[in-house]
Amino acid sequence: MNLIGKKSVLLFGGVAISSSVLGDITSLDDATMASVTGQAGITVEINSAELTIGEIRYQDKGSIAVRDIRVGGADRTNFFDNQWIPTSAKSDKLDNLKIDIDILADGDFVAIMKPAGTHSVVDFGISTGEWLLQSSAGVDGTRLINSLDITGLGIDARLRIDNQTSHTFIESTWGVDDLDVDFGFLGVRVANMKIAGSNYFETLGTWGAGSAGILDIGAELDLEIYTAIAHGGHTALGLNLTKFEADVLIPEIYLGSQPSIGAISLNNVSVTAETVIYGH
């Protein structure tokens, strides 16, 4: 996104003005200009959006390809055993999303993402087809993932680019109600996986199924992105996971074609990590 900073203000007289009316013309100084321009920021509302990509391929000597990517709406109303989306708003398109964009007084770029309408969440659906390893000739080989499908709710997200340090900070709160993934090369399939807030299991234990509110369903994920210095002194991509807090439920795990071997729950998961990424 390109943002325009101070904008020139041009005042044109559209009619003839008598010399008796026209007084001294005084130019506006910087302080005055700042008080009349660039104060409101920009708001973008997304009412119906869908992204599809036939294939994303990372090429090294060989390559890895991800096919049939789609990002849109969940086309559902019920999540976490409650109705979160009005029936009239059910859609397979990404909607009900508002992004407020501002440049702060210190020059920081800020974008705040939140629901735009009367319901307090944004439903989303993400899916892919095959994830494949390929030879240098582009021939398909091992199928890492047969399919991936995720539906859930976005609650809020914030992005800030610090004008002084050039670091980018992302804070997000979201819940995954249904994650299905088929690891083809392992013969392992996971179905109906949930990722919720770190109070989710405690709320269900106290109040029962369907009792989770907006403060319970949202996992928290915060990232810091910046230019780092790797071992050897060369620049690299710094990608720090500064916060991930969630409860995770995997109710169905399949090995081969046999029935589910059982369920796994991970209570009060908390992860932080500092990473540096570069080519070799």
Protein backbone atom coordinates (compact mmCIF):
# COMPACT_ATOMS: atom_id res chain seq x y z
CA MET A 1 0.00 0.00 0.00
CA ASN A 2 1.33 3.46 -0.88
CA LEU A 3 0.25 6.29 1.36
CA ILE A 4 0.42 9.92 0.35
CA GLY A 5 1.82 12.19 3.02
CA LYS A 6 1.17 15.94 3.14
CA LYS A 7 -1.04 16.98 0.30
CA SER A 8 -0.84 20.36 -1.34
CA VAL A 9 -3.96 22.44 -0.83
CA LEU A 10 -4.80 24.50 -3.92
CA LEU A 11 -7.48 27.17 -3.61
CA PHE A 12 -8.96 28.29 -6.91
CA GLY A 13 -11.33 31.21 -7.39
CA GLY A 14 -14.09 30.08 -9.68
CA VAL A 15 -15.69 33.49 -10.09
CA ALA A 16 -14.46 37.00 -10.69
CA ILE A 17 -13.61 38.77 -7.45
CA SER A 18 -13.72 42.50 -7.12
CA SER A 19 -10.45 44.21 -6.15
CA SER A 20 -12.31 45.90 -3.33
CA VAL A 21 -13.17 42.48 -1.86
CA LEU A 22 -9.75 40.86 -2.41
CA GLY A 23 -7.49 41.65 0.50
CA ASP A 24 -3.91 40.59 1.26
CA ILE A 25 -3.24 36.91 0.41
CA THR A 26 -1.18 35.16 3.12
CA SER A 27 0.42 31.70 2.52
CA LEU A 28 -0.30 28.94 5.03
CA ASP A 29 2.65 27.89 7.20
CA ASP A 30 3.48 24.23 7.97
CA ALA A 31 1.67 24.24 11.32
CA THR A 32 -1.53 25.55 9.77
CA MET A 33 -1.29 23.10 6.90
CA ALA A 34 -0.93 20.23 9.37
CA SER A 35 -4.11 21.30 11.13
CA VAL A 36 -6.24 21.22 7.99
CA THR A 37 -4.85 18.23 6.08
CA GLY A 38 -4.23 14.55 6.75
CA GLN A 39 -6.18 14.31 10.00
CA ALA A 40 -8.93 11.83 9.26
CA GLY A 41 -6.95 8.85 7.98
CA ILE A 42 -8.35 6.26 5.59
CA THR A 43 -10.94 3.54 6.15
CA VAL A 44 -11.28 0.55 3.82
CA GLU A 45 -14.33 -1.71 4.08
CA ILE A 46 -14.21 -5.18 2.51
CA ASN A 47 -17.73 -6.29 1.66
CA SER A 48 -17.17 -9.24 -0.70
CA ALA A 49 -13.70 -10.60 -1.45
CA GLU A 50 -12.23 -13.91 -2.54
CA LEU A 51 -8.67 -14.87 -3.47
CA THR A 52 -7.88 -17.94 -5.56
CA ILE A 53 -4.43 -19.02 -6.81
CA GLY A 54 -3.90 -22.01 -9.04
CA GLU A 55 -0.37 -22.72 -7.81
CA ILE A 56 2.40 -21.21 -5.68
CA ARG A 57 5.82 -22.72 -6.38
CA TYR A 58 9.08 -22.18 -4.51
CA GLN A 59 11.96 -23.01 -6.83
CA ASP A 60 15.40 -24.09 -5.55
CA LYS A 61 17.26 -26.89 -7.35
CA GLY A 62 14.00 -28.75 -7.09
CA SER A 63 10.79 -27.12 -5.94
CA ILE A 64 7.76 -27.34 -3.71
CA ALA A 65 4.33 -26.48 -5.10
CA VAL A 66 1.06 -25.65 -3.35
CA ARG A 67 -2.03 -25.86 -5.55
CA ASP A 68 -5.62 -24.65 -5.55
CA ILE A 69 -5.31 -21.98 -2.84
CA ARG A 70 -8.46 -20.18 -1.77
CA VAL A 71 -9.11 -17.46 0.82
CA GLY A 72 -12.65 -16.22 1.40
CA GLY A 73 -15.58 -16.58 3.76
CA ALA A 74 -16.47 -19.69 5.74
CA ASP A 75 -20.02 -19.97 4.32
CA ARG A 76 -21.24 -20.96 7.80
CA THR A 77 -23.11 -19.34 10.67
CA ASN A 78 -22.21 -21.61 13.62
CA PHE A 79 -18.77 -21.78 15.23
CA PHE A 80 -17.67 -23.18 18.60
CA ASP A 81 -21.22 -24.53 19.18
CA ASN A 82 -22.82 -21.09 18.86
CA GLN A 83 -24.29 -18.98 16.07
CA TRP A 84 -21.87 -16.10 15.48
CA ILE A 85 -22.95 -15.02 12.00
CA PRO A 86 -26.52 -13.95 11.13
CA THR A 87 -28.16 -16.28 8.63
CA SER A 88 -28.62 -13.36 6.24
CA ALA A 89 -24.84 -12.72 6.32
CA LYS A 90 -23.74 -16.27 5.48
CA SER A 91 -21.33 -16.14 2.54
CA ASP A 92 -18.36 -17.84 0.94
CA LYS A 93 -16.82 -14.38 0.42
CA LEU A 94 -14.67 -12.47 2.92
CA ASP A 95 -16.78 -9.59 4.24
CA ASN A 96 -17.73 -7.52 7.31
CA LEU A 97 -14.11 -6.32 7.55
CA LYS A 98 -13.00 -2.73 8.16
CA ILE A 99 -9.41 -1.45 8.08
CA ASP A 100 -8.60 1.96 9.60
CA ILE A 101 -5.27 3.37 8.36
CA ASP A 102 -3.44 6.28 9.99
CA ILE A 103 -0.03 7.93 10.13
CA LEU A 104 0.70 8.94 13.72
CA ALA A 105 2.41 12.16 14.80
CA ASP A 106 5.78 10.38 15.12
CA GLY A 107 5.47 8.98 11.59
CA ASP A 108 4.42 5.45 12.56
CA PHE A 109 2.11 3.68 10.09
CA VAL A 110 -0.85 2.01 11.83
CA ALA A 111 -3.61 -0.23 10.45
CA ILE A 112 -6.43 -1.48 12.69
CA MET A 113 -8.54 -4.37 11.35
CA LYS A 114 -11.90 -5.19 12.92
CA PRO A 115 -15.48 -6.17 12.03
CA ALA A 116 -17.36 -3.51 10.10
CA GLY A 117 -20.97 -4.49 10.77
CA THR A 118 -23.26 -5.36 13.63
CA HIS A 119 -21.80 -8.81 14.34
CA SER A 120 -18.50 -8.81 16.22
CA VAL A 121 -16.46 -11.31 14.18
CA VAL A 122 -15.22 -11.88 10.62
CA ASP A 123 -15.67 -15.44 9.35
CA PHE A 124 -12.95 -16.81 7.09
CA GLY A 125 -12.20 -19.91 5.07
CA ILE A 126 -8.75 -20.98 3.83
CA SER A 127 -8.15 -24.08 1.76
CA THR A 128 -5.52 -25.64 -0.47
CA GLY A 129 -5.14 -28.72 -2.58
CA GLU A 130 -1.91 -30.70 -2.89
CA TRP A 131 1.49 -29.71 -1.45
CA LEU A 132 4.04 -31.45 -3.66
CA LEU A 133 7.79 -31.90 -3.88
CA GLN A 134 9.13 -31.71 -7.45
CA SER A 135 12.39 -32.60 -9.16
CA SER A 136 14.49 -30.05 -11.06
CA ALA A 137 12.64 -31.12 -14.20
CA GLY A 138 9.32 -30.15 -12.59
CA VAL A 139 8.09 -33.72 -12.21
CA ASP A 140 5.67 -34.24 -9.29
CA GLY A 141 7.03 -36.41 -6.49
CA THR A 142 6.14 -36.82 -2.83
CA ARG A 143 2.74 -35.43 -1.84
CA LEU A 144 3.34 -33.79 1.54
CA ILE A 145 -0.26 -32.70 2.02
CA ASN A 146 -3.27 -33.97 0.11
CA SER A 147 -5.59 -31.19 1.25
CA LEU A 148 -5.93 -28.47 3.89
CA ASP A 149 -9.14 -26.78 4.97
CA ILE A 150 -9.54 -24.15 7.72
CA THR A 151 -12.60 -22.22 8.84
CA GLY A 152 -12.76 -19.82 11.74
CA LEU A 153 -13.43 -16.35 13.10
CA GLY A 154 -11.26 -13.25 13.09
CA ILE A 155 -11.80 -10.94 16.05
CA ASP A 156 -9.25 -8.17 15.54
CA ALA A 157 -5.77 -7.44 14.24
CA ARG A 158 -3.36 -4.52 14.37
CA LEU A 159 -0.28 -3.65 12.34
CA ARG A 160 2.28 -0.94 13.11
CA ILE A 161 5.42 0.02 11.20
CA ASP A 162 7.71 1.96 13.53
CA ASN A 163 9.08 5.06 11.80
CA GLN A 164 12.25 5.14 13.94
CA THR A 165 13.29 1.46 13.91
CA SER A 166 11.54 0.18 10.72
CA HIS A 167 10.24 -2.79 12.75
CA THR A 168 6.80 -4.13 11.88
CA PHE A 169 4.54 -5.31 14.71
CA ILE A 170 1.45 -7.46 14.15
CA GLU A 171 -1.02 -8.35 16.91
CA SER A 172 -3.98 -10.61 16.12
CA THR A 173 -6.83 -12.44 17.85
CA TRP A 174 -8.67 -15.24 16.04
CA GLY A 175 -10.17 -18.69 16.51
CA VAL A 176 -10.10 -21.76 14.27
CA ASP A 177 -13.28 -23.82 14.65
CA ASP A 178 -12.48 -26.54 12.11
CA LEU A 179 -9.07 -27.49 10.71
CA ASP A 180 -8.79 -30.59 8.52
CA VAL A 181 -5.45 -31.66 7.07
CA ASP A 182 -4.40 -34.85 5.28
CA PHE A 183 -0.64 -35.57 5.39
CA GLY A 184 -0.48 -37.86 2.39
CA PHE A 185 3.11 -39.07 2.69
CA LEU A 186 2.63 -40.07 6.35
CA GLY A 187 -0.82 -41.57 6.04
CA VAL A 188 -1.99 -39.27 8.86
CA ARG A 189 -5.19 -37.24 8.81
CA VAL A 190 -6.45 -34.72 11.39
CA ALA A 191 -10.10 -33.63 11.43
CA ASN A 192 -12.19 -31.01 13.26
CA MET A 193 -9.21 -29.47 15.06
CA LYS A 194 -9.92 -26.34 17.10
CA ILE A 195 -7.57 -23.50 18.11
CA ALA A 196 -9.16 -21.13 20.64
CA GLY A 197 -8.22 -18.77 23.44
CA SER A 198 -6.28 -19.96 26.47
CA ASN A 199 -9.47 -19.80 28.62
CA TYR A 200 -11.50 -21.98 26.24
CA PHE A 201 -11.19 -25.32 28.06
CA GLU A 202 -11.71 -23.70 31.46
CA THR A 203 -14.90 -21.99 30.26
CA LEU A 204 -16.30 -25.22 28.83
CA GLY A 205 -15.42 -27.08 32.03
CA THR A 206 -17.23 -24.52 34.17
CA TRP A 207 -20.22 -23.61 32.01
CA GLY A 208 -20.59 -26.46 29.52
CA ALA A 209 -20.70 -26.80 25.73
CA GLY A 210 -21.72 -23.70 23.79
CA SER A 211 -20.79 -21.34 26.64
CA ALA A 212 -17.64 -19.85 25.08
CA GLY A 213 -17.85 -16.12 24.43
CA ILE A 214 -15.70 -13.82 22.35
CA LEU A 215 -13.07 -13.57 25.11
CA ASP A 216 -12.74 -17.38 25.13
CA ILE A 217 -12.56 -18.30 21.45
CA GLY A 218 -9.71 -16.01 20.41
CA ALA A 219 -6.14 -17.31 20.30
CA GLU A 220 -3.55 -14.52 20.44
CA LEU A 221 -0.68 -14.34 17.94
CA ASP A 222 1.83 -11.46 17.87
CA LEU A 223 4.75 -11.09 15.46
CA GLU A 224 7.70 -8.72 15.06
CA ILE A 225 9.32 -8.44 11.61
CA TYR A 226 12.56 -6.55 10.97
CA THR A 227 15.98 -6.57 9.32
CA ALA A 228 18.28 -8.71 11.47
CA ILE A 229 22.00 -9.43 11.51
CA ALA A 230 22.80 -13.13 11.11
CA HIS A 231 25.94 -14.98 12.19
CA GLY A 232 28.67 -13.85 9.82
CA GLY A 233 27.47 -10.26 9.84
CA HIS A 234 25.17 -10.30 6.82
CA THR A 235 21.63 -8.92 6.91
CA ALA A 236 18.66 -11.27 7.17
CA LEU A 237 14.95 -11.36 7.87
CA GLY A 238 14.14 -11.26 11.56
CA LEU A 239 10.83 -12.91 12.38
CA ASN A 240 10.03 -13.08 16.07
CA LEU A 241 6.98 -14.82 17.50
CA THR A 242 6.51 -12.61 20.54
CA LYS A 243 3.27 -14.23 21.68
CA PHE A 244 1.14 -17.26 20.89
CA GLU A 245 -1.37 -18.29 23.54
CA ALA A 246 -4.12 -20.82 22.86
CA ASP A 247 -6.01 -23.97 23.78
CA VAL A 248 -5.85 -26.65 21.07
CA LEU A 249 -8.21 -29.59 20.61
CA ILE A 250 -7.60 -32.39 18.08
CA PRO A 251 -10.68 -34.63 18.46
CA GLU A 252 -9.98 -36.96 15.53
CA ILE A 253 -6.62 -38.43 14.45
CA TYR A 254 -6.52 -41.10 11.76
CA LEU A 255 -3.59 -43.38 10.90
CA GLY A 256 -4.18 -44.90 7.48
CA SER A 257 -7.75 -45.97 6.78
CA GLN A 258 -8.47 -47.17 10.31
CA PRO A 259 -10.87 -45.43 12.76
CA SER A 260 -9.65 -42.45 14.79
CA ILE A 261 -7.07 -43.41 17.40
CA GLY A 262 -8.45 -40.85 19.86
CA ALA A 263 -8.22 -37.19 20.78
CA ILE A 264 -5.47 -34.84 21.97
CA SER A 265 -6.00 -31.61 23.91
CA LEU A 266 -3.30 -29.02 24.60
CA ASN A 267 -4.24 -26.68 27.43
CA ASN A 268 -2.70 -23.22 27.90
CA VAL A 269 -0.20 -23.43 25.05
CA SER A 270 2.29 -20.54 25.17
CA VAL A 271 5.05 -20.12 22.57
CA THR A 272 7.67 -17.43 21.93
CA ALA A 273 10.54 -17.64 19.46
CA GLU A 274 13.22 -15.41 17.92
CA THR A 275 14.25 -16.45 14.42
CA VAL A 276 16.57 -15.20 11.69
CA ILE A 277 15.94 -16.30 8.11
CA TYR A 278 18.38 -16.02 5.18
CA GLY A 279 19.54 -17.83 2.08
CA HIS A 280 22.50 -20.21 1.97
